[in-house]
């Protein structure tokens, strides 16, 4: 839980306490009584596939995991749908336009308060290039994917399942809850 010192509603000090009929401690404004809930962040992205089955990946130009490969994804913004967030992140990170398809995977990472959602998508053309958060972007077949340098576990698990199901000719939504990795995670594990 992030530390909150002042109420965004009135500016008064907040205190950590258990509100009536609640089961968790929350930051509560000592003056106006506003309860400030803190909820998980949604990380939303796409699995951009070209007609020949290759997948578009981005090599990160930012932390966390600078220099490693990932699918285009990032924090969902207020006022957008999950599908809009996936399309926006793909455009921002890879300058690529996609048709967003069905939700394919959901990973809950409660140890860092995140939920990762990845959508199947089709690249609309081959006009792509690195965005400001990417060092490079490229299309990969399954055998070409740099598996040892994939930045995030939800991306790696999703890609492994994606290619397995693609070989079988049938895709199915899946979800998983991930425990903390054996090494200390950063904020995007």
Foldseek 3Di string as FASTA:
>chain_A
DDDDAADPVPGAGWDWDADPPHDHTFTAGPPPGDTDDDAFWEKAAEQEAEPVGWTKWFQFCDDDLHRFIFGQIGTDDPPDDSQVRHQVSCCQAKVWGKDWDAWAEWEAEVVLRYIYIYTYIYTPDPPIFGHPGGPTMDIDHPVRDPLVRHRADVRSVSVVVVVVVVVVVDGDHDYYYDYDDPDDDDNGD
